[in-house]
Protein backbone atom coordinates (compact mmCIF):
# COMPACT_ATOMS: atom_id res chain seq x y z
CA GLY A 1 109.58 162.51 37.78
CA SER A 2 109.16 165.56 40.08
CA ARG A 3 107.74 167.74 37.14
CA THR A 4 105.05 165.10 36.57
CA ASN A 5 103.95 165.03 40.26
CA THR A 6 103.94 168.86 40.28
CA VAL A 7 101.61 168.77 36.99
CA THR A 8 99.34 166.07 38.69
CA LYS A 9 99.14 168.19 41.93
CA MET A 10 98.19 171.38 39.94
CA ALA A 11 95.51 169.45 38.02
CA ALA A 12 94.00 168.11 41.16
CA ALA A 13 93.90 171.38 42.88
CA GLY A 14 92.27 173.05 39.91
CA LEU A 15 89.73 170.24 39.90
CA CYS A 16 88.91 170.64 43.59
CA ARG A 17 88.41 174.51 43.22
CA ARG A 18 86.13 173.84 40.30
CA LEU A 19 84.00 171.33 42.48
CA PHE A 20 83.79 173.86 45.36
CA GLN A 21 82.60 176.65 42.92
CA VAL A 22 80.04 174.60 41.04
CA ASN A 23 78.84 172.74 44.22
CA ARG A 24 77.93 169.50 42.39
CA ILE A 25 79.01 165.83 42.43
CA PRO A 26 81.28 164.87 39.52
CA VAL A 27 80.78 162.19 37.08
CA LEU A 28 83.48 159.83 37.29
CA HIS A 29 84.64 158.40 33.79
CA TYR A 30 86.60 155.24 33.63
CA ALA A 31 89.29 155.15 31.18
CA GLY A 32 91.53 152.01 30.76
CA HIS A 33 92.48 150.54 34.31
CA ASN A 34 92.85 154.00 36.06
CA MET A 35 90.31 155.62 38.16
CA ILE A 36 89.99 158.85 40.20
CA THR A 37 88.17 158.70 43.59
CA ILE A 38 87.19 161.83 45.31
CA HIS A 39 86.09 161.89 48.96
CA PHE A 40 83.82 164.46 50.44
CA CYS A 41 83.98 163.50 54.19
CA SER A 42 86.43 166.40 55.01
CA LYS A 43 85.87 170.03 54.26
CA ARG A 44 88.58 169.78 51.34
CA PRO A 45 88.11 166.89 49.13
CA THR A 46 91.07 164.53 48.62
CA LEU A 47 92.20 163.04 45.46
CA ILE A 48 93.26 159.46 45.26
CA LEU A 49 94.68 157.74 42.23
CA ALA A 50 94.11 154.20 41.84
CA ALA A 51 95.40 151.83 39.30
CA GLY A 52 94.88 148.31 38.12
CA ILE A 53 91.10 148.11 39.15
CA HIS A 54 89.26 145.26 37.45
CA LEU A 55 85.53 145.96 36.73
CA GLY A 56 83.67 142.77 36.16
CA SER A 57 80.60 142.36 34.29
CA PRO A 58 77.25 142.30 36.42
CA HIS A 59 75.59 138.95 36.58
CA TYR A 60 71.74 139.14 36.30
CA THR A 61 69.27 136.52 37.39
CA THR A 62 65.93 135.98 35.51
CA ALA A 63 62.84 134.84 37.38
CA PRO A 64 61.14 131.86 36.04
CA LEU A 65 58.36 132.68 33.56
CA ALA A 66 55.96 130.07 34.81
CA ALA A 67 55.37 128.78 38.27
CA VAL A 68 55.18 124.97 38.46
CA THR A 69 52.47 123.62 40.74
CA ASP A 70 50.93 120.23 41.65
CA GLU A 71 47.20 121.47 41.73
CA PRO A 72 45.36 120.47 38.64
CA ASP A 73 44.30 123.47 36.31
CA ALA A 74 40.59 124.18 36.20
CA LEU A 75 38.51 123.26 33.28
CA TYR A 76 35.76 125.33 31.80
CA LYS A 77 33.10 123.97 29.47
CA LYS A 78 31.81 127.51 28.51
CA ILE A 79 32.55 131.07 29.19
CA SER A 80 29.94 133.65 28.11
CA VAL A 81 31.25 137.45 27.74
CA LEU A 82 28.28 139.56 27.62
CA VAL A 83 29.37 143.31 26.60
CA LYS A 84 26.80 146.05 26.70
CA GLY A 85 26.90 149.78 25.83
CA HIS A 86 25.06 152.78 24.26
CA ASP A 87 27.17 153.28 21.14
CA LYS A 88 26.48 150.47 18.65
CA THR A 89 29.66 151.38 16.54
CA VAL A 90 31.98 150.99 19.48
CA LEU A 91 30.14 147.73 20.50
CA ASP A 92 30.70 146.37 17.02
CA SER A 93 34.64 147.27 17.03
CA TYR A 94 35.22 145.68 20.41
CA GLU A 95 33.29 142.56 19.25
CA TYR A 96 35.80 142.15 16.41
CA PHE A 97 38.71 142.76 18.75
CA ALA A 98 37.60 140.22 21.34
CA THR A 99 37.06 137.53 18.60
CA LEU A 100 40.30 138.26 16.79
CA ALA A 101 42.16 137.92 20.07
CA ALA A 102 40.49 134.63 20.74
CA LYS A 103 41.63 133.42 17.36
CA GLU A 104 45.12 134.39 18.18
CA LEU A 105 45.25 132.43 21.14
CA ASN A 106 43.66 129.36 19.57
CA ILE A 107 40.32 129.66 21.67
CA ILE A 108 37.26 128.12 20.27
CA VAL A 109 34.71 130.72 19.66
CA ASP A 110 31.30 128.80 19.69
CA LYS A 111 29.02 131.83 18.73
CA VAL A 112 28.60 135.51 18.67
CA TYR A 113 25.02 136.86 18.90
CA GLU A 114 23.37 140.08 19.58
CA PRO A 115 20.47 139.90 22.35
CA ALA A 116 17.55 142.24 22.01
CA ARG A 117 18.32 145.66 22.82
CA LYS A 118 16.76 147.64 25.90
CA ILE A 119 15.22 151.05 25.51
CA ASP A 120 14.25 153.20 28.44
CA ARG A 121 11.88 156.33 27.70
CA MET A 122 11.35 159.19 29.85
CA THR A 123 8.47 161.86 29.23
CA LEU A 124 8.98 165.21 30.55
CA LEU A 125 7.22 168.56 30.35
CA LYS A 126 8.88 170.95 27.75
CA SER A 127 8.31 173.90 30.07
CA VAL A 128 9.02 174.01 33.65
CA HIS A 129 5.55 174.90 35.30
CA ILE A 130 3.11 175.47 32.56
CA PHE A 131 1.99 174.14 28.97
CA LYS A 132 1.04 170.66 30.35
CA LYS A 133 0.33 169.46 26.69
CA HIS A 134 3.73 170.34 25.52
CA ARG A 135 6.01 167.43 26.29
CA VAL A 136 9.26 166.19 25.18
CA GLN A 137 10.39 162.54 25.17
CA TYR A 138 13.93 161.21 25.83
CA GLU A 139 15.08 157.63 25.31
CA MET A 140 18.26 155.76 26.14
CA ARG A 141 19.12 152.69 23.99
CA THR A 142 21.43 149.95 25.42
CA TYR A 143 22.91 147.52 23.02
CA TYR A 144 24.33 143.99 23.92
CA LYS A 145 26.87 141.59 22.33
CA CYS A 146 27.40 138.09 23.66
CA ILE A 147 30.68 136.17 22.83
CA GLU A 148 30.52 132.47 23.88
CA ILE A 149 33.81 130.39 23.95
CA LYS A 150 34.12 126.84 25.07
CA HIS A 151 36.59 124.28 26.17
CA LEU A 152 39.23 126.30 28.14
CA THR A 153 41.75 125.73 30.87
CA GLY A 154 41.95 128.11 33.77
CA SER A 155 45.18 129.58 32.92
CA THR A 156 44.11 130.30 29.40
CA ALA A 157 40.73 131.73 30.48
CA SER A 158 42.46 134.15 33.05
CA VAL A 159 44.93 135.54 30.23
CA TYR A 160 42.22 136.07 27.78
CA LEU A 161 39.67 137.61 30.33
CA GLU A 162 42.35 139.95 31.65
CA TYR A 163 43.57 141.05 28.27
CA ILE A 164 39.93 141.91 27.08
CA GLN A 165 39.08 143.69 30.16
CA ARG A 166 42.13 145.82 30.13
CA ASN A 167 41.37 146.80 26.68
CA LEU A 168 37.69 147.47 27.41
CA ALA A 169 36.59 150.59 25.37
CA GLU A 170 35.00 153.75 27.19
CA GLY A 171 31.28 153.42 27.74
CA LEU A 172 30.98 149.67 27.70
CA ALA A 173 30.24 147.36 30.51
CA MET A 174 31.24 143.62 30.71
CA GLU A 175 29.52 140.51 32.54
CA VAL A 176 31.19 137.14 32.58
CA THR A 177 29.54 133.89 33.24
CA LYS A 178 31.63 130.84 33.74
CA THR A 179 30.65 127.07 33.46
CA MET A 180 33.33 124.89 35.21
CA LEU A 181 33.61 121.19 34.84
CA GLU A 182 33.97 119.67 38.28
CA LYS A 183 34.91 116.08 39.46
CA LEU A 184 32.01 113.88 40.39
CA PRO A 185 32.09 113.49 44.46
CA GLU A 186 32.79 110.07 45.83
CA HIS A 187 29.53 109.69 47.71
CA ILE A 188 27.31 110.04 44.65
CA LYS A 189 29.33 108.00 42.25
CA GLU A 190 27.54 104.69 42.99
CA PRO A 191 23.76 105.02 42.77
CA VAL A 192 21.97 105.12 46.03
CA TRP A 193 19.71 102.09 45.33
CA SER A 194 22.43 99.85 44.64
CA MET A 195 24.00 100.72 47.99
CA HIS A 196 20.43 99.97 49.67
CA SER A 197 20.25 96.65 47.93
CA SER A 198 23.59 95.55 48.97
CA THR A 199 22.70 96.34 52.56
CA ASN A 200 19.35 94.57 52.36
CA GLU A 201 21.03 91.42 51.08
CA GLY A 202 23.19 91.05 54.01
CA LYS A 203 20.30 91.16 56.54
CA PRO A 204 18.45 87.90 57.50
CA ASP A 205 14.73 87.72 56.50
CA SER A 206 12.57 88.26 59.38
């Protein structure tokens, strides 16, 4: 009884001295149903023993993976991805990556072709001021790769294009051309000549 209380007070006093010496916030370990709470409001910390505390498991709520909207998804007849760069090896490797990603997403790859390369040449003097006949020529070659995919929805196209654009290799540039399918407007669904014929039939002959 009294001996146990004395031992508890001595342990608490020793703990408080160590806290003041080290000057740091202790890490509380929960053992069973007992917990030690230390308050730093006053100059001397007070030690409170609490028993029978129930620690419930936290409840996490997960956000929905996809948003449901009433708006119809966009439809694309064809999307052309033109990639250009100065290193042909890097360009070929990126073409393999883009086509492999399209196959994994079950996207129809219509065709992959290589447009004509572009060569820019500059002829400069080999020397700074003299020897006009001594010249050196530099050229910069730009290679192209075009990947055409067809029959995509708007969500699939946005996911695929974001994925390949985020993994675009250094030294490459990309240009995307989209061909969207649109609904025929109401005012041009019926031919104009049929509308004129119907209005002329209602008028009396002069």
